[in-house]
Protein backbone atom coordinates (compact mmCIF):
# COMPACT_ATOMS: atom_id res chain seq x y z
CA MET A 1 82.03 13.56 -47.42
CA ASP A 2 80.47 16.95 -47.59
CA GLN A 3 77.13 15.31 -48.00
CA ILE A 4 77.77 12.99 -45.14
CA GLY A 5 79.08 15.87 -43.12
CA GLY A 6 76.13 18.00 -44.11
CA SER A 7 73.75 15.24 -43.23
CA SER A 8 75.49 14.66 -40.00
CA GLY A 9 75.52 18.37 -39.26
CA GLY A 10 71.92 18.73 -40.25
CA GLY A 11 71.09 15.78 -38.05
CA VAL A 12 72.79 17.32 -35.09
CA GLU A 13 71.13 20.63 -35.81
CA ASN A 14 67.66 19.04 -36.13
CA GLY A 15 68.31 17.02 -33.06
CA GLY A 16 69.07 20.24 -31.20
CA GLU A 17 65.82 21.79 -32.32
CA HIS A 18 63.87 18.70 -31.22
CA GLU A 19 65.67 18.76 -27.90
CA ASN A 20 64.69 22.39 -27.41
CA GLU A 21 61.04 21.53 -28.18
CA LEU A 22 61.08 18.74 -25.62
CA THR A 23 62.57 21.05 -23.05
CA GLU A 24 59.90 23.69 -23.71
CA ASN A 25 57.17 21.08 -23.50
CA ASN A 26 58.55 19.78 -20.24
CA ILE A 27 58.58 23.27 -18.80
CA THR A 28 54.99 23.86 -19.97
CA GLU A 29 53.76 20.58 -18.46
CA ALA A 30 55.59 21.25 -15.24
CA THR A 31 54.10 24.72 -15.03
CA ALA A 32 50.56 23.37 -15.68
CA GLU A 33 51.03 20.69 -13.05
CA GLU A 34 52.34 23.25 -10.57
CA THR A 35 49.38 25.53 -11.32
CA THR A 36 46.95 22.66 -10.84
CA ASN A 37 48.49 21.73 -7.54
CA THR A 38 48.37 25.27 -6.22
CA ALA A 39 44.77 26.02 -7.42
CA PRO A 40 42.09 25.46 -4.78
CA SER A 41 40.16 22.25 -5.48
CA PRO A 42 36.38 22.12 -4.97
CA PRO A 43 35.42 20.54 -1.67
CA GLN A 44 34.45 16.87 -1.87
CA MET A 45 30.71 16.40 -1.26
CA THR A 46 29.52 13.88 1.27
CA PRO A 47 26.98 11.27 0.11
CA GLU A 48 24.28 13.20 1.97
CA GLU A 49 25.19 16.48 0.25
CA SER A 50 25.23 14.75 -3.12
CA SER A 51 21.76 13.34 -2.47
CA ARG A 52 20.44 16.76 -1.49
CA LEU A 53 21.84 18.21 -4.71
CA LYS A 54 20.15 15.51 -6.78
CA ARG A 55 16.93 16.11 -4.87
CA SER A 56 17.10 19.80 -5.73
CA TYR A 57 17.31 18.87 -9.43
CA VAL A 58 14.12 16.80 -9.16
CA LEU A 59 12.35 19.59 -7.27
CA GLN A 60 13.41 22.04 -9.97
CA GLU A 61 11.98 19.67 -12.58
CA LEU A 62 8.75 19.40 -10.58
CA VAL A 63 8.35 23.18 -10.53
CA GLU A 64 9.30 23.73 -14.16
CA THR A 65 7.02 20.99 -15.46
CA GLU A 66 4.19 22.31 -13.28
CA ARG A 67 4.55 25.74 -14.87
CA ALA A 68 4.63 24.16 -18.34
CA TYR A 69 1.54 22.13 -17.47
CA VAL A 70 -0.37 25.30 -16.58
CA VAL A 71 0.62 26.75 -19.97
CA ASP A 72 -0.66 23.60 -21.72
CA LEU A 73 -3.97 23.75 -19.87
CA ALA A 74 -4.31 27.44 -20.71
CA SER A 75 -3.80 26.67 -24.40
CA ILE A 76 -6.82 24.38 -24.19
CA VAL A 77 -9.05 26.71 -22.18
CA ASP A 78 -8.07 30.03 -23.74
CA GLY A 79 -7.39 28.55 -27.17
CA TYR A 80 -9.83 25.79 -28.02
CA ILE A 81 -12.67 26.48 -25.59
CA GLY A 82 -12.41 30.24 -26.10
CA THR A 83 -12.50 29.89 -29.88
CA LEU A 84 -15.36 27.39 -29.88
CA LYS A 85 -17.46 29.68 -27.67
CA GLU A 86 -17.22 32.38 -30.33
CA MET A 87 -18.26 30.03 -33.15
CA GLU A 88 -21.84 29.40 -34.25
CA LEU A 89 -22.62 25.89 -33.05
CA SER A 90 -25.88 24.06 -32.50
CA ASP A 91 -27.06 23.43 -28.95
CA GLU A 92 -26.29 19.74 -29.42
CA ASP A 93 -22.72 20.47 -30.51
CA ARG A 94 -22.21 22.84 -27.59
CA GLU A 95 -23.23 20.04 -25.23
CA LYS A 96 -20.72 17.78 -26.95
CA VAL A 97 -18.02 20.42 -26.51
CA LYS A 98 -18.73 20.38 -22.77
CA ILE A 99 -18.25 16.61 -22.73
CA ILE A 100 -15.02 16.80 -24.73
CA PHE A 101 -13.34 19.23 -22.34
CA ALA A 102 -15.11 18.08 -19.15
CA ASN A 103 -13.87 20.00 -16.08
CA ILE A 104 -10.53 21.07 -17.55
CA GLU A 105 -11.30 24.75 -16.80
CA GLN A 106 -11.68 23.80 -13.14
CA ILE A 107 -8.36 21.95 -13.23
CA LEU A 108 -6.60 24.94 -14.81
CA ASP A 109 -7.97 27.34 -12.22
CA PHE A 110 -6.81 25.09 -9.38
CA HIS A 111 -3.28 24.64 -10.70
CA LYS A 112 -2.81 28.22 -11.83
CA SER A 113 -4.14 29.98 -8.73
CA VAL A 114 -3.31 27.46 -6.01
CA PHE A 115 -1.28 24.34 -6.64
CA CYS A 116 1.56 25.75 -8.75
CA LYS A 117 2.27 28.36 -6.07
CA GLU A 118 2.38 25.64 -3.41
CA ILE A 119 4.76 23.55 -5.50
CA GLU A 120 7.08 26.53 -6.06
CA LYS A 121 7.66 26.71 -2.30
CA SER A 122 9.57 23.43 -2.54
CA LEU A 123 12.54 25.26 -4.07
CA GLN A 124 13.18 26.72 -0.61
CA ASP A 125 11.82 23.85 1.49
CA TYR A 126 11.82 20.32 0.11
CA GLU A 127 8.98 19.27 2.44
CA ALA A 128 6.68 21.87 0.88
CA ALA A 129 6.18 19.54 -2.08
CA GLY A 130 4.86 16.82 0.20
CA ASN A 131 2.68 19.26 2.12
CA ALA A 132 1.06 20.43 -1.12
CA PHE A 133 -0.08 16.94 -2.11
CA ILE A 134 -1.34 16.16 1.39
CA LYS A 135 -3.16 19.48 1.78
CA TYR A 136 -4.91 19.27 -1.58
CA GLU A 137 -5.47 15.51 -1.75
CA ARG A 138 -9.26 15.88 -1.83
CA ARG A 139 -9.24 18.39 -4.68
CA LEU A 140 -6.75 16.37 -6.72
CA HIS A 141 -8.84 13.25 -6.25
CA THR A 142 -12.16 14.96 -7.05
CA PHE A 143 -10.97 16.94 -10.07
CA TYR A 144 -8.92 14.21 -11.74
CA VAL A 145 -11.28 11.29 -11.07
CA LYS A 146 -14.07 13.33 -12.66
CA TYR A 147 -11.88 14.18 -15.66
CA CYS A 148 -10.66 10.61 -16.13
CA GLN A 149 -14.12 9.09 -15.82
CA ASN A 150 -15.27 11.35 -18.65
CA LYS A 151 -12.17 10.72 -20.80
CA PRO A 152 -13.56 7.73 -22.78
CA LYS A 153 -16.61 9.80 -23.80
CA SER A 154 -14.32 12.67 -24.76
CA ASP A 155 -12.14 10.39 -26.87
CA PHE A 156 -15.19 9.03 -28.67
CA LEU A 157 -16.53 12.48 -29.58
CA VAL A 158 -13.15 13.78 -30.71
CA SER A 159 -12.82 10.82 -33.09
CA GLN A 160 -16.14 11.56 -34.82
CA ASP A 161 -15.64 12.91 -38.33
CA ASN A 162 -17.50 16.20 -37.88
CA PHE A 163 -15.78 17.11 -34.62
CA GLU A 164 -12.41 15.84 -35.74
CA GLN A 165 -12.48 18.28 -38.67
CA LEU A 166 -13.85 21.11 -36.52
CA LEU A 167 -11.09 20.73 -33.94
CA PHE A 168 -8.49 20.46 -36.69
CA ASP A 169 -9.69 23.79 -38.12
CA VAL A 170 -9.46 25.39 -34.66
CA LYS A 171 -5.94 24.02 -34.29
CA ASP A 172 -4.92 25.66 -37.58
CA ARG A 173 -6.56 28.93 -36.60
CA LEU A 174 -4.64 28.95 -33.30
CA GLY A 175 -1.38 27.97 -34.99
CA HIS A 176 -0.87 25.06 -32.60
CA LYS A 177 1.59 22.33 -33.49
CA VAL A 178 0.25 19.92 -30.86
CA SER A 179 -2.97 18.04 -31.64
CA ILE A 180 -6.05 18.27 -29.43
CA ASN A 181 -5.64 14.60 -28.49
CA ASP A 182 -2.13 15.26 -27.20
CA LEU A 183 -3.40 18.18 -25.14
CA LEU A 184 -6.41 16.38 -23.68
CA ILE A 185 -4.23 13.53 -22.42
CA LYS A 186 -2.04 15.96 -20.45
CA PRO A 187 -4.07 15.79 -17.20
CA VAL A 188 -3.95 11.98 -17.24
CA GLN A 189 -0.19 12.03 -17.78
CA ARG A 190 0.35 14.71 -15.16
CA ILE A 191 -1.47 12.96 -12.34
CA THR A 192 0.67 9.87 -13.02
CA LYS A 193 3.92 11.83 -13.29
CA TYR A 194 3.57 13.24 -9.77
CA GLN A 195 4.04 9.80 -8.26
CA LEU A 196 7.25 9.19 -10.22
CA MET A 197 8.80 12.51 -9.20
CA LEU A 198 7.78 12.06 -5.57
CA SER A 199 9.44 8.64 -5.65
CA ASP A 200 12.73 10.25 -6.70
CA ILE A 201 12.43 13.06 -4.15
CA LEU A 202 11.72 10.52 -1.43
CA LYS A 203 14.63 8.33 -2.53
CA TYR A 204 17.16 11.15 -2.31
CA THR A 205 15.67 12.34 0.99
CA HIS A 206 16.23 8.91 2.51
CA ARG A 207 19.80 8.86 1.19
CA ALA A 208 20.39 12.31 2.69
CA ASN A 209 19.10 11.07 6.06
CA ASP A 210 16.64 13.99 6.14
CA ARG A 211 13.10 13.97 7.50
CA ALA A 212 10.89 11.97 5.16
CA GLU A 213 7.56 11.48 6.98
CA VAL A 214 5.72 14.19 5.04
CA LEU A 215 7.04 12.98 1.70
CA GLU A 216 6.11 9.39 2.53
CA ARG A 217 2.53 10.45 3.23
CA ALA A 218 2.46 12.47 0.01
CA HIS A 219 3.81 9.50 -1.93
CA ASP A 220 1.03 7.32 -0.53
CA VAL A 221 -1.53 9.92 -1.58
CA MET A 222 -0.19 10.00 -5.11
CA ARG A 223 -0.33 6.23 -5.37
CA VAL A 224 -4.01 6.28 -4.46
CA VAL A 225 -5.19 9.12 -6.71
CA PRO A 226 -3.79 7.85 -10.05
CA LYS A 227 -5.15 4.37 -9.33
CA ALA A 228 -8.59 5.80 -8.65
CA CYS A 229 -8.34 7.77 -11.90
CA ASP A 230 -7.40 4.67 -13.88
CA ASP A 231 -10.25 2.73 -12.30
CA MET A 232 -12.76 5.38 -13.27
CA MET A 233 -11.45 5.54 -16.84
CA GLN A 234 -12.15 1.81 -17.06
CA VAL A 235 -15.66 2.35 -15.67
CA GLY A 236 -16.15 5.20 -18.13
CA ARG A 237 -15.74 2.70 -20.98
CA LEU A 238 -18.75 0.71 -19.79
CA GLN A 239 -21.63 0.95 -22.27
CA GLY A 240 -25.24 -0.18 -22.11
CA PHE A 241 -25.70 -0.03 -18.33
CA GLN A 242 -29.13 1.49 -17.72
CA GLY A 243 -28.66 2.13 -14.01
CA ASN A 244 -26.84 4.88 -12.17
CA LEU A 245 -23.14 4.04 -11.82
CA THR A 246 -22.72 6.58 -9.04
CA ALA A 247 -25.38 4.74 -7.02
CA GLN A 248 -23.24 1.58 -7.11
CA GLY A 249 -20.84 3.17 -4.64
CA ARG A 250 -17.08 3.18 -4.72
CA LEU A 251 -15.26 0.86 -7.12
CA ILE A 252 -13.58 -1.76 -4.94
CA PHE A 253 -11.95 -4.08 -7.47
CA GLN A 254 -11.88 -4.81 -11.18
CA GLY A 255 -10.30 -7.31 -13.49
CA THR A 256 -10.73 -9.83 -16.27
CA LEU A 257 -12.26 -13.26 -15.60
CA ILE A 258 -13.52 -16.11 -17.74
CA ILE A 259 -17.25 -16.32 -16.99
CA SER A 260 -19.67 -19.14 -17.80
CA ASP A 261 -23.41 -18.68 -17.31
CA GLY A 262 -25.15 -21.49 -15.45
CA ASN A 263 -24.40 -23.69 -12.46
CA ILE A 264 -21.33 -25.85 -11.90
CA ASN A 265 -23.08 -29.00 -13.13
CA GLN A 266 -23.40 -27.61 -16.64
CA PRO A 267 -20.55 -27.67 -19.18
CA PHE A 268 -18.19 -24.73 -18.71
CA LYS A 269 -18.54 -22.37 -21.67
CA GLY A 270 -16.45 -19.49 -20.47
CA LYS A 271 -16.07 -16.14 -22.21
CA GLU A 272 -13.72 -13.32 -21.34
CA ARG A 273 -15.50 -10.72 -19.24
CA ARG A 274 -14.54 -7.54 -17.42
CA VAL A 275 -15.86 -7.67 -13.87
CA PHE A 276 -16.34 -4.58 -11.69
CA LEU A 277 -16.90 -4.99 -7.95
CA PHE A 278 -18.60 -1.92 -6.51
CA GLU A 279 -19.77 -1.39 -2.95
CA GLN A 280 -23.36 -2.20 -3.91
CA SER A 281 -23.09 -4.52 -6.89
CA VAL A 282 -21.00 -6.65 -9.22
CA ILE A 283 -21.20 -5.67 -12.89
CA ILE A 284 -20.16 -8.14 -15.60
CA ALA A 285 -19.33 -6.76 -19.05
CA GLU A 286 -18.21 -8.05 -22.43
CA CYS A 287 -14.75 -6.93 -23.58
CA ILE A 288 -14.67 -5.21 -26.98
CA PRO A 289 -11.14 -4.89 -28.45
CA PRO A 290 -10.02 -1.40 -29.55
CA ARG A 291 -10.62 -0.48 -33.17
CA LYS A 292 -7.32 1.30 -33.48
CA GLU A 293 -3.88 -0.10 -32.70
CA TYR A 294 -3.30 2.23 -29.75
CA GLY A 295 -6.93 2.55 -28.72
CA ASN A 296 -8.58 1.42 -25.51
CA PRO A 297 -11.08 -1.44 -25.09
CA LEU A 298 -14.76 -0.82 -24.47
CA TYR A 299 -17.09 -2.86 -22.25
CA ASN A 300 -20.69 -3.83 -23.04
CA PHE A 301 -22.88 -4.43 -20.00
CA LYS A 302 -24.08 -8.03 -19.61
CA ASN A 303 -25.16 -8.75 -16.04
CA GLN A 304 -25.43 -7.28 -12.56
CA ILE A 305 -25.55 -8.93 -9.12
CA MET A 306 -26.49 -6.84 -6.10
CA VAL A 307 -24.07 -7.49 -3.25
CA ASN A 308 -26.91 -7.75 -0.72
CA LYS A 309 -28.35 -10.64 -2.74
CA MET A 310 -25.07 -12.31 -3.66
CA VAL A 311 -23.88 -15.78 -2.68
CA LEU A 312 -20.18 -16.66 -3.02
CA GLU A 313 -19.01 -20.26 -3.37
CA GLU A 314 -15.24 -20.19 -3.00
CA ASN A 315 -14.43 -23.65 -4.39
CA VAL A 316 -15.40 -25.85 -7.30
CA VAL A 317 -14.47 -29.53 -7.12
CA ASP A 318 -11.42 -30.40 -9.27
CA GLU A 319 -11.24 -26.83 -10.57
CA PRO A 320 -8.76 -24.90 -8.37
CA LEU A 321 -9.05 -21.65 -10.35
CA ARG A 322 -12.85 -21.43 -10.30
CA PHE A 323 -15.42 -19.96 -7.92
CA VAL A 324 -19.15 -19.26 -8.17
CA LEU A 325 -21.16 -16.06 -7.92
CA GLN A 326 -24.90 -16.47 -7.50
CA SER A 327 -27.77 -14.02 -7.23
CA ASN A 328 -30.60 -15.15 -4.94
CA ASP A 329 -32.82 -12.30 -6.09
CA PRO A 330 -36.16 -14.03 -6.84
CA ASN A 331 -36.79 -11.56 -9.65
CA GLN A 332 -33.42 -12.13 -11.33
CA PRO A 333 -31.89 -15.44 -10.21
CA ALA A 334 -28.57 -16.12 -11.88
CA THR A 335 -25.44 -18.22 -11.43
CA PHE A 336 -22.00 -17.48 -12.87
CA VAL A 337 -18.95 -19.73 -12.71
CA ALA A 338 -15.81 -17.58 -12.77
CA GLN A 339 -12.32 -18.74 -13.64
CA SER A 340 -9.20 -16.74 -12.78
CA ALA A 341 -5.96 -16.77 -14.74
CA THR A 342 -3.88 -17.78 -11.72
CA SER A 343 -4.38 -18.96 -8.15
CA GLU A 344 -3.10 -15.57 -6.96
CA ASP A 345 -5.80 -13.80 -8.96
CA LYS A 346 -8.45 -16.09 -7.48
CA GLU A 347 -7.24 -15.33 -3.96
CA GLN A 348 -7.45 -11.61 -4.64
CA TRP A 349 -11.02 -11.94 -5.90
CA LEU A 350 -12.08 -14.07 -2.93
CA ILE A 351 -10.55 -11.61 -0.48
CA LYS A 352 -12.29 -8.63 -2.07
CA LEU A 353 -15.66 -10.36 -2.47
CA SER A 354 -15.62 -11.84 1.04
CA THR A 355 -14.63 -8.54 2.59
CA GLN A 356 -17.45 -6.73 0.82
CA LEU A 357 -19.97 -9.35 1.95
CA ASP A 358 -18.70 -9.00 5.52
CA GLN A 359 -19.05 -5.22 5.34
CA GLN A 360 -22.62 -5.59 4.09
CA LYS A 361 -23.33 -7.92 7.02
CA THR A 362 -21.93 -5.35 9.44
CA PHE A 363 -23.91 -2.57 7.79
CA LEU A 364 -27.12 -4.61 8.03
CA ALA A 365 -26.53 -5.22 11.74
CA ALA A 366 -26.13 -1.48 12.27
CA LEU A 367 -29.37 -0.76 10.40
CA VAL A 368 -31.41 -3.43 12.19
CA ASP A 369 -30.35 -2.52 15.75
CA PRO A 370 -28.18 0.64 15.82
CA LYS A 371 -27.98 0.87 19.62
CA ARG A 372 -26.88 -2.72 20.07
CA TYR A 373 -24.38 -2.41 17.23
CA LEU A 374 -22.93 0.78 18.69
CA ALA A 375 -22.71 -0.75 22.18
CA ASN A 376 -20.98 -3.87 20.86
CA SER A 377 -18.56 -1.82 18.78
CA MET A 378 -17.64 0.51 21.63
CA GLY A 379 -17.30 -2.46 23.97
CA SER A 380 -14.88 -4.13 21.59
CA MET A 381 -12.80 -0.98 21.32
CA ASN A 382 -12.73 -0.49 25.09
CA ILE A 383 -11.52 -4.04 25.57
CA SER A 384 -8.79 -3.70 23.00
CA GLY A 385 -7.87 -0.20 24.20
CA LYS A 386 -6.85 0.71 20.69
CA LYS A 387 -7.02 4.24 19.35
CA ASP A 388 -7.31 5.55 15.91
CA SER A 389 -4.67 7.59 14.12
CA SER A 390 -5.99 10.81 15.68
CA GLY A 391 -5.32 9.49 19.17
CA SER A 392 -8.98 9.05 20.15
CA LEU A 393 -11.25 6.06 20.17
CA GLY A 394 -12.84 5.55 16.79
CA THR A 395 -16.56 5.50 16.12
CA PRO A 396 -18.34 3.05 13.88
CA THR A 397 -18.86 4.15 10.33
CA SER A 398 -20.69 2.73 7.39
CA PRO A 399 -18.74 0.13 5.46
CA GLY A 400 -16.63 1.54 2.70
CA ILE A 401 -16.56 5.07 4.08
CA THR A 402 -13.06 4.89 5.48
CA PRO A 403 -10.63 4.99 2.56
CA GLY A 404 -8.12 2.17 2.32
CA ASN A 405 -4.77 1.99 0.61
CA ILE A 406 -4.61 1.32 -3.09
CA THR A 407 -1.87 -0.91 -4.41
CA ILE A 408 -0.46 -0.37 -7.85
CA PRO A 409 -0.99 -3.45 -10.00
CA THR A 410 1.89 -5.21 -11.59
CA SER A 411 1.69 -5.87 -15.28
CA GLY A 412 0.38 -9.22 -16.31
CA SER A 413 -1.53 -9.80 -13.11
CA GLY A 414 -4.81 -10.18 -14.92
CA SER A 415 -6.57 -7.99 -12.41
CA THR A 416 -6.12 -4.64 -10.81
CA THR A 417 -6.69 -3.69 -7.21
CA SER A 418 -8.34 -0.71 -5.66
CA SER A 419 -9.13 0.61 -2.24
CA GLY A 420 -11.76 -0.63 0.12
CA ALA A 421 -10.71 -4.14 1.10
CA ILE A 422 -8.57 -4.97 4.07
CA SER A 423 -6.15 -7.78 3.41
CA PRO A 424 -6.05 -10.46 6.08
CA THR A 425 -3.05 -10.53 8.36
CA LYS A 426 -2.33 -14.13 7.39
CA PRO A 427 -2.10 -15.51 3.85
CA ARG A 428 -5.49 -16.69 2.70
CA ALA A 429 -4.07 -20.08 1.82
CA THR A 430 -3.57 -20.81 5.52
CA GLN A 431 -7.14 -19.92 6.43
CA GLN A 432 -9.87 -22.51 6.58
CA LYS A 433 -11.64 -22.91 3.26
CA SER A 434 -15.33 -23.66 3.02
CA SER A 435 -17.03 -25.64 0.34
CA GLY A 436 -20.25 -23.83 1.18
CA SER A 437 -21.44 -20.39 0.26
CA LYS A 438 -21.23 -17.01 1.90
CA LEU A 439 -24.60 -15.29 1.98
CA PHE A 440 -25.07 -11.61 2.74
CA GLY A 441 -25.81 -11.16 6.42
CA PHE A 442 -25.62 -14.82 7.38
CA GLY A 443 -22.00 -15.93 6.98
CA LYS A 444 -21.33 -19.29 5.37
CA GLN A 445 -23.92 -21.77 4.29
CA LYS A 446 -23.59 -25.49 4.62
CA THR A 447 -24.16 -27.65 1.63
């Protein structure tokens, strides 16, 4: 009984303690809830305000990464180049050093003294970022295209045993953790990164319903420049061409085609070729796979067709993916049957080739009779009453001088596009096809 009583008493006593704990907890929770209710809550942001906040984060990233980029460039110029200048090297090796680093000192000077300061203004005014890219479009294009065109040569020299060891020794002397290859790729990565960050800034600006015209123009600029850089890196991998690449004019289009030498009546023995369409010529090159897993392909020069001596046959009977390029140069007559991967690729090639032939025809007319050409051009503009983007009537220019828009290729397309060709307003499939040829200066031939 005592035990039962004790147990019962203890139970009541423990129950009382538990009850007191519950009461205290309830009071604590009630007090916390009351405190929460009385504390001022942060104001709810509107969707526009939220977008502006997110935009500010991207702008902050743009500025911080720009500053870090300048530091990386300085580590190359002050570190590697500075050290190599102090070393005893042969004249030949010093020339190779110049090729390895190209115009990176020029790029550093531009970003350190000019561009970084312009970008930093975007922390106070979001449109300043767009203004910077628009204002310095020409410098960005010139500096980075030059650097990227040289990059394949730089990569080749860095991979040579003697220079690889030399640069490794310099890296150890400087105490750098990052390899020279990782540093030299920075400009290529940076010029591509701008487009991605501008895309985010533009996205949040649209969501905030703020002015976006300047950023849209800047975004267009930074679609064009990286594409031009990539194009020139591809051209820089071309080996064995004895002519002057600069004299070929602007790169209009490039891509991979299956090419068979000989006319359409011969058996098709196609081989994979890289084809470059410049303003003045078409260059056909053999594709050489990269030696290393993550390397880049090289291109060995095979043939060249001057655009002013080129004939284009758009169709081959029973072969919907093929077309013919022919040189009517009496000194170097040649015929090439080209096969695209898809019908879309073929259409792109026909558009680019036809447009370039038309521009050559127009250019020839201007050279033969400039006064008549100018009168006809001005008469056409007066009839249409159209004005150019500056608000005044345009004046005729040489073909290929006015820059066009560059579209970013989608992966797996088999070809990449560049500036210089004006797409027709209607799909090419709806336009009249010709089984004849298009000859420079004389339109289409009948067969």
